[in-house]
Amino acid sequence: MVKRIVVGAHYGLRDWLVQRITALIMALYTLLAVLVVLIKHPQGASAWRGLLQVPVVRIATFVFVLSLCWHAWVGIRDILMDYVKPVGWRLFGEVAVILVLLSEVLWAAEILWG
């Protein structure tokens, strides 16, 4: 019998699904945003502000930002786990990425509802 050694964090299938689902959400949002811009032809800041006053657009935009950050986190975390071997440097990188992505989410919330 072969003794199997299990290593790694076992994120495999879950992370694969997260990457696909968040990419799908971002692609759909992008297509809808392009359609809205082509149909509405917003000119100037007030027109863009008017678009973002619609609650569905605000929520969709925030879901897009959350998807983008989650997608980025999975990708960057995997890169750090694969290529940064010293644990201290990897932890520093992961914490830095988390702080940047969290600030992006908070900034988007401030823009959309502030």
N, C-alpha and C. Protein backbone atom coordinates (compact mmCIF):
# COMPACT_ATOMS: atom_id res chain seq x y z
N MET A 1 0.84 -1.17 0.00
CA MET A 1 0.00 0.00 0.00
C MET A 1 0.89 1.24 0.00
N VAL A 2 0.51 2.22 -0.80
CA VAL A 2 1.26 3.47 -0.89
C VAL A 2 0.72 4.44 0.14
N LYS A 3 1.63 4.95 0.94
CA LYS A 3 1.22 5.93 1.94
C LYS A 3 1.21 7.31 1.29
N ARG A 4 0.07 7.95 1.33
CA ARG A 4 -0.11 9.24 0.68
C ARG A 4 0.18 10.36 1.67
N ILE A 5 1.01 11.29 1.28
CA ILE A 5 1.32 12.45 2.11
C ILE A 5 0.49 13.62 1.62
N VAL A 6 -0.31 14.16 2.50
CA VAL A 6 -1.19 15.27 2.15
C VAL A 6 -0.52 16.57 2.59
N VAL A 7 -0.38 17.48 1.64
CA VAL A 7 0.23 18.78 1.95
C VAL A 7 -0.63 19.88 1.36
N GLY A 8 -0.39 21.10 1.79
CA GLY A 8 -1.10 22.25 1.22
C GLY A 8 -2.33 22.61 2.02
N ALA A 9 -2.99 23.64 1.56
CA ALA A 9 -4.13 24.19 2.29
C ALA A 9 -5.46 23.60 1.83
N HIS A 10 -5.49 22.82 0.77
CA HIS A 10 -6.70 22.17 0.27
C HIS A 10 -7.79 23.15 -0.12
N TYR A 11 -7.43 24.25 -0.74
CA TYR A 11 -8.42 25.21 -1.18
C TYR A 11 -8.98 24.85 -2.55
N GLY A 12 -8.32 24.00 -3.28
CA GLY A 12 -8.58 23.59 -4.64
C GLY A 12 -9.93 23.88 -5.26
N LEU A 13 -10.91 23.03 -5.03
CA LEU A 13 -12.20 23.14 -5.70
C LEU A 13 -12.92 24.42 -5.31
N ARG A 14 -12.89 24.77 -4.02
CA ARG A 14 -13.57 25.98 -3.57
C ARG A 14 -12.99 27.22 -4.27
N ASP A 15 -11.68 27.31 -4.31
CA ASP A 15 -11.06 28.47 -4.96
C ASP A 15 -11.29 28.47 -6.46
N TRP A 16 -11.30 27.31 -7.07
CA TRP A 16 -11.59 27.22 -8.49
C TRP A 16 -12.99 27.75 -8.76
N LEU A 17 -13.96 27.34 -7.93
CA LEU A 17 -15.34 27.83 -8.09
C LEU A 17 -15.43 29.33 -7.83
N VAL A 18 -14.75 29.81 -6.80
CA VAL A 18 -14.77 31.25 -6.49
C VAL A 18 -14.25 32.04 -7.68
N GLN A 19 -13.15 31.59 -8.27
CA GLN A 19 -12.57 32.30 -9.42
C GLN A 19 -13.56 32.33 -10.58
N ARG A 20 -14.24 31.23 -10.84
CA ARG A 20 -15.17 31.17 -11.97
C ARG A 20 -16.42 31.99 -11.71
N ILE A 21 -16.97 31.90 -10.50
CA ILE A 21 -18.20 32.63 -10.17
C ILE A 21 -17.94 34.12 -10.14
N THR A 22 -16.85 34.55 -9.51
CA THR A 22 -16.56 35.99 -9.46
C THR A 22 -16.25 36.53 -10.86
N ALA A 23 -15.58 35.74 -11.68
CA ALA A 23 -15.31 36.17 -13.05
C ALA A 23 -16.62 36.32 -13.83
N LEU A 24 -17.55 35.40 -13.63
CA LEU A 24 -18.85 35.48 -14.29
C LEU A 24 -19.62 36.73 -13.85
N ILE A 25 -19.62 37.00 -12.54
CA ILE A 25 -20.29 38.19 -12.02
C ILE A 25 -19.68 39.45 -12.64
N MET A 26 -18.35 39.51 -12.69
CA MET A 26 -17.69 40.70 -13.25
C MET A 26 -17.96 40.84 -14.74
N ALA A 27 -18.00 39.73 -15.45
CA ALA A 27 -18.28 39.78 -16.89
C ALA A 27 -19.71 40.26 -17.15
N LEU A 28 -20.67 39.73 -16.40
CA LEU A 28 -22.06 40.17 -16.57
C LEU A 28 -22.23 41.64 -16.23
N TYR A 29 -21.61 42.09 -15.15
CA TYR A 29 -21.70 43.50 -14.77
C TYR A 29 -21.09 44.38 -15.87
N THR A 30 -19.96 43.96 -16.40
CA THR A 30 -19.30 44.74 -17.45
C THR A 30 -20.19 44.84 -18.68
N LEU A 31 -20.79 43.73 -19.09
CA LEU A 31 -21.69 43.77 -20.25
C LEU A 31 -22.89 44.68 -20.01
N LEU A 32 -23.49 44.57 -18.82
CA LEU A 32 -24.63 45.43 -18.50
C LEU A 32 -24.22 46.89 -18.42
N ALA A 33 -23.05 47.16 -17.86
CA ALA A 33 -22.58 48.55 -17.77
C ALA A 33 -22.35 49.14 -19.16
N VAL A 34 -21.77 48.35 -20.06
CA VAL A 34 -21.56 48.82 -21.43
C VAL A 34 -22.90 49.09 -22.11
N LEU A 35 -23.87 48.20 -21.92
CA LEU A 35 -25.19 48.41 -22.51
C LEU A 35 -25.84 49.69 -21.96
N VAL A 36 -25.76 49.90 -20.66
CA VAL A 36 -26.35 51.10 -20.06
C VAL A 36 -25.68 52.35 -20.61
N VAL A 37 -24.38 52.34 -20.73
CA VAL A 37 -23.66 53.51 -21.26
C VAL A 37 -24.04 53.74 -22.72
N LEU A 38 -24.16 52.67 -23.51
CA LEU A 38 -24.54 52.84 -24.91
C LEU A 38 -25.98 53.35 -25.06
N ILE A 39 -26.86 52.93 -24.17
CA ILE A 39 -28.26 53.34 -24.26
C ILE A 39 -28.47 54.74 -23.70
N LYS A 40 -27.90 55.00 -22.52
CA LYS A 40 -28.16 56.27 -21.81
C LYS A 40 -27.26 57.42 -22.26
N HIS A 41 -26.07 57.13 -22.75
CA HIS A 41 -25.09 58.16 -23.15
C HIS A 41 -24.90 59.22 -22.06
N PRO A 42 -24.48 58.84 -20.86
CA PRO A 42 -24.31 59.83 -19.80
C PRO A 42 -23.20 60.83 -20.13
N GLN A 43 -23.52 62.11 -20.01
CA GLN A 43 -22.56 63.19 -20.29
C GLN A 43 -22.36 64.00 -19.01
N GLY A 44 -21.17 64.02 -18.49
CA GLY A 44 -20.88 64.82 -17.32
C GLY A 44 -21.09 64.08 -16.02
N ALA A 45 -20.58 64.70 -14.96
CA ALA A 45 -20.61 64.07 -13.64
C ALA A 45 -22.03 63.91 -13.11
N SER A 46 -22.90 64.86 -13.40
CA SER A 46 -24.26 64.78 -12.87
C SER A 46 -25.03 63.60 -13.48
N ALA A 47 -24.78 63.29 -14.74
CA ALA A 47 -25.44 62.15 -15.37
C ALA A 47 -24.95 60.84 -14.76
N TRP A 48 -23.64 60.75 -14.51
CA TRP A 48 -23.08 59.56 -13.88
C TRP A 48 -23.60 59.42 -12.45
N ARG A 49 -23.67 60.54 -11.75
CA ARG A 49 -24.21 60.54 -10.39
C ARG A 49 -25.66 60.06 -10.41
N GLY A 50 -26.41 60.49 -11.41
CA GLY A 50 -27.80 60.06 -11.55
C GLY A 50 -27.92 58.55 -11.76
N LEU A 51 -27.00 57.99 -12.55
CA LEU A 51 -27.00 56.54 -12.74
C LEU A 51 -26.76 55.80 -11.43
N LEU A 52 -25.86 56.33 -10.62
CA LEU A 52 -25.52 55.67 -9.37
C LEU A 52 -26.54 55.93 -8.26
N GLN A 53 -27.55 56.75 -8.52
CA GLN A 53 -28.61 56.96 -7.54
C GLN A 53 -29.64 55.83 -7.56
N VAL A 54 -29.66 55.07 -8.62
CA VAL A 54 -30.59 53.94 -8.73
C VAL A 54 -30.10 52.82 -7.81
N PRO A 55 -30.93 52.37 -6.85
CA PRO A 55 -30.47 51.37 -5.88
C PRO A 55 -29.95 50.08 -6.51
N VAL A 56 -30.57 49.61 -7.58
CA VAL A 56 -30.11 48.38 -8.23
C VAL A 56 -28.70 48.56 -8.79
N VAL A 57 -28.42 49.73 -9.35
CA VAL A 57 -27.09 49.99 -9.90
C VAL A 57 -26.07 50.06 -8.77
N ARG A 58 -26.43 50.69 -7.67
CA ARG A 58 -25.52 50.76 -6.52
C ARG A 58 -25.18 49.37 -6.01
N ILE A 59 -26.19 48.56 -5.83
CA ILE A 59 -25.96 47.22 -5.30
C ILE A 59 -25.15 46.39 -6.29
N ALA A 60 -25.49 46.46 -7.57
CA ALA A 60 -24.74 45.71 -8.59
C ALA A 60 -23.28 46.16 -8.63
N THR A 61 -23.05 47.46 -8.51
CA THR A 61 -21.68 47.97 -8.51
C THR A 61 -20.92 47.48 -7.29
N PHE A 62 -21.58 47.47 -6.13
CA PHE A 62 -20.91 47.01 -4.93
C PHE A 62 -20.63 45.51 -5.00
N VAL A 63 -21.55 44.74 -5.56
CA VAL A 63 -21.32 43.30 -5.75
C VAL A 63 -20.14 43.09 -6.70
N PHE A 64 -20.04 43.93 -7.73
CA PHE A 64 -18.91 43.87 -8.64
C PHE A 64 -17.60 44.11 -7.90
N VAL A 65 -17.57 45.14 -7.06
CA VAL A 65 -16.34 45.45 -6.30
C VAL A 65 -15.99 44.31 -5.35
N LEU A 66 -16.98 43.76 -4.66
CA LEU A 66 -16.73 42.62 -3.78
C LEU A 66 -16.19 41.43 -4.57
N SER A 67 -16.78 41.16 -5.73
CA SER A 67 -16.31 40.05 -6.57
C SER A 67 -14.89 40.28 -7.04
N LEU A 68 -14.61 41.51 -7.44
CA LEU A 68 -13.27 41.85 -7.90
C LEU A 68 -12.24 41.63 -6.79
N CYS A 69 -12.56 42.08 -5.60
CA CYS A 69 -11.62 41.94 -4.48
C CYS A 69 -11.45 40.48 -4.07
N TRP A 70 -12.53 39.72 -4.05
CA TRP A 70 -12.43 38.31 -3.70
C TRP A 70 -11.62 37.55 -4.76
N HIS A 71 -11.87 37.86 -6.02
CA HIS A 71 -11.14 37.26 -7.13
C HIS A 71 -9.65 37.58 -7.01
N ALA A 72 -9.36 38.83 -6.74
CA ALA A 72 -7.96 39.26 -6.58
C ALA A 72 -7.31 38.56 -5.39
N TRP A 73 -8.04 38.46 -4.27
CA TRP A 73 -7.49 37.83 -3.08
C TRP A 73 -7.10 36.38 -3.35
N VAL A 74 -7.96 35.61 -3.99
CA VAL A 74 -7.66 34.21 -4.26
C VAL A 74 -6.43 34.10 -5.16
N GLY A 75 -6.38 34.91 -6.19
CA GLY A 75 -5.24 34.86 -7.11
C GLY A 75 -3.93 35.28 -6.47
N ILE A 76 -3.95 36.38 -5.76
CA ILE A 76 -2.71 36.87 -5.14
C ILE A 76 -2.28 35.95 -4.01
N ARG A 77 -3.23 35.45 -3.22
CA ARG A 77 -2.88 34.52 -2.14
C ARG A 77 -2.21 33.27 -2.71
N ASP A 78 -2.76 32.75 -3.81
CA ASP A 78 -2.16 31.57 -4.41
C ASP A 78 -0.75 31.86 -4.93
N ILE A 79 -0.56 33.02 -5.51
CA ILE A 79 0.78 33.40 -5.98
C ILE A 79 1.74 33.50 -4.80
N LEU A 80 1.30 34.14 -3.72
CA LEU A 80 2.17 34.25 -2.54
C LEU A 80 2.48 32.87 -1.95
N MET A 81 1.48 32.00 -1.89
CA MET A 81 1.72 30.66 -1.34
C MET A 81 2.66 29.85 -2.21
N ASP A 82 2.60 30.05 -3.51
CA ASP A 82 3.44 29.27 -4.43
C ASP A 82 4.87 29.80 -4.51
N TYR A 83 5.06 31.11 -4.46
CA TYR A 83 6.36 31.67 -4.79
C TYR A 83 7.09 32.37 -3.66
N VAL A 84 6.42 32.70 -2.57
CA VAL A 84 7.10 33.34 -1.45
C VAL A 84 7.26 32.29 -0.36
N LYS A 85 8.46 31.76 -0.22
CA LYS A 85 8.69 30.64 0.69
C LYS A 85 8.89 31.07 2.15
N PRO A 86 9.62 32.16 2.44
CA PRO A 86 9.75 32.53 3.86
C PRO A 86 8.39 32.92 4.44
N VAL A 87 8.02 32.27 5.53
CA VAL A 87 6.68 32.45 6.10
C VAL A 87 6.44 33.89 6.51
N GLY A 88 7.43 34.55 7.06
CA GLY A 88 7.27 35.94 7.49
C GLY A 88 6.96 36.88 6.34
N TRP A 89 7.67 36.71 5.24
CA TRP A 89 7.42 37.55 4.06
C TRP A 89 6.05 37.26 3.47
N ARG A 90 5.69 35.97 3.45
CA ARG A 90 4.38 35.59 2.91
C ARG A 90 3.26 36.18 3.76
N LEU A 91 3.41 36.09 5.08
CA LEU A 91 2.40 36.65 5.98
C LEU A 91 2.31 38.17 5.80
N PHE A 92 3.46 38.82 5.68
CA PHE A 92 3.47 40.27 5.45
C PHE A 92 2.72 40.61 4.16
N GLY A 93 3.00 39.86 3.10
CA GLY A 93 2.33 40.10 1.81
C GLY A 93 0.84 39.87 1.90
N GLU A 94 0.43 38.81 2.57
CA GLU A 94 -0.99 38.51 2.69
C GLU A 94 -1.71 39.60 3.49
N VAL A 95 -1.11 40.03 4.59
CA VAL A 95 -1.73 41.09 5.40
C VAL A 95 -1.81 42.38 4.60
N ALA A 96 -0.76 42.71 3.85
CA ALA A 96 -0.77 43.93 3.03
C ALA A 96 -1.87 43.86 1.98
N VAL A 97 -2.01 42.71 1.33
CA VAL A 97 -3.05 42.55 0.30
C VAL A 97 -4.43 42.67 0.93
N ILE A 98 -4.64 42.03 2.09
CA ILE A 98 -5.93 42.11 2.77
C ILE A 98 -6.26 43.56 3.10
N LEU A 99 -5.30 44.31 3.62
CA LEU A 99 -5.54 45.71 3.97
C LEU A 99 -5.88 46.56 2.75
N VAL A 100 -5.18 46.34 1.65
CA VAL A 100 -5.46 47.09 0.42
C VAL A 100 -6.85 46.76 -0.11
N LEU A 101 -7.18 45.47 -0.16
CA LEU A 101 -8.49 45.07 -0.69
C LEU A 101 -9.62 45.54 0.22
N LEU A 102 -9.42 45.47 1.52
CA LEU A 102 -10.43 45.97 2.46
C LEU A 102 -10.63 47.47 2.29
N SER A 103 -9.54 48.21 2.10
CA SER A 103 -9.67 49.66 1.88
C SER A 103 -10.41 49.95 0.58
N GLU A 104 -10.21 49.12 -0.44
CA GLU A 104 -10.94 49.28 -1.70
C GLU A 104 -12.44 49.08 -1.50
N VAL A 105 -12.81 48.06 -0.75
CA VAL A 105 -14.23 47.80 -0.49
C VAL A 105 -14.84 48.95 0.30
N LEU A 106 -14.14 49.41 1.33
CA LEU A 106 -14.66 50.53 2.13
C LEU A 106 -14.75 51.81 1.30
N TRP A 107 -13.78 52.04 0.44
CA TRP A 107 -13.80 53.23 -0.41
C TRP A 107 -14.99 53.17 -1.38
N ALA A 108 -15.22 51.99 -1.94
CA ALA A 108 -16.36 51.82 -2.85
C ALA A 108 -17.68 52.06 -2.11
N ALA A 109 -17.78 51.57 -0.89
CA ALA A 109 -18.99 51.81 -0.08
C ALA A 109 -19.17 53.29 0.20
N GLU A 110 -18.09 53.97 0.48
CA GLU A 110 -18.15 55.41 0.73
C GLU A 110 -18.60 56.17 -0.52
N ILE A 111 -18.08 55.78 -1.65
CA ILE A 111 -18.46 56.43 -2.91
C ILE A 111 -19.93 56.19 -3.23
N LEU A 112 -20.37 54.94 -3.06
CA LEU A 112 -21.72 54.58 -3.45
C LEU A 112 -22.79 55.06 -2.46
N TRP A 113 -22.48 55.07 -1.16
CA TRP A 113 -23.49 55.44 -0.18
C TRP A 113 -23.10 56.61 0.72
N GLY A 114 -21.90 57.18 0.51
CA GLY A 114 -21.42 58.25 1.39
C GLY A 114 -22.01 59.60 1.05
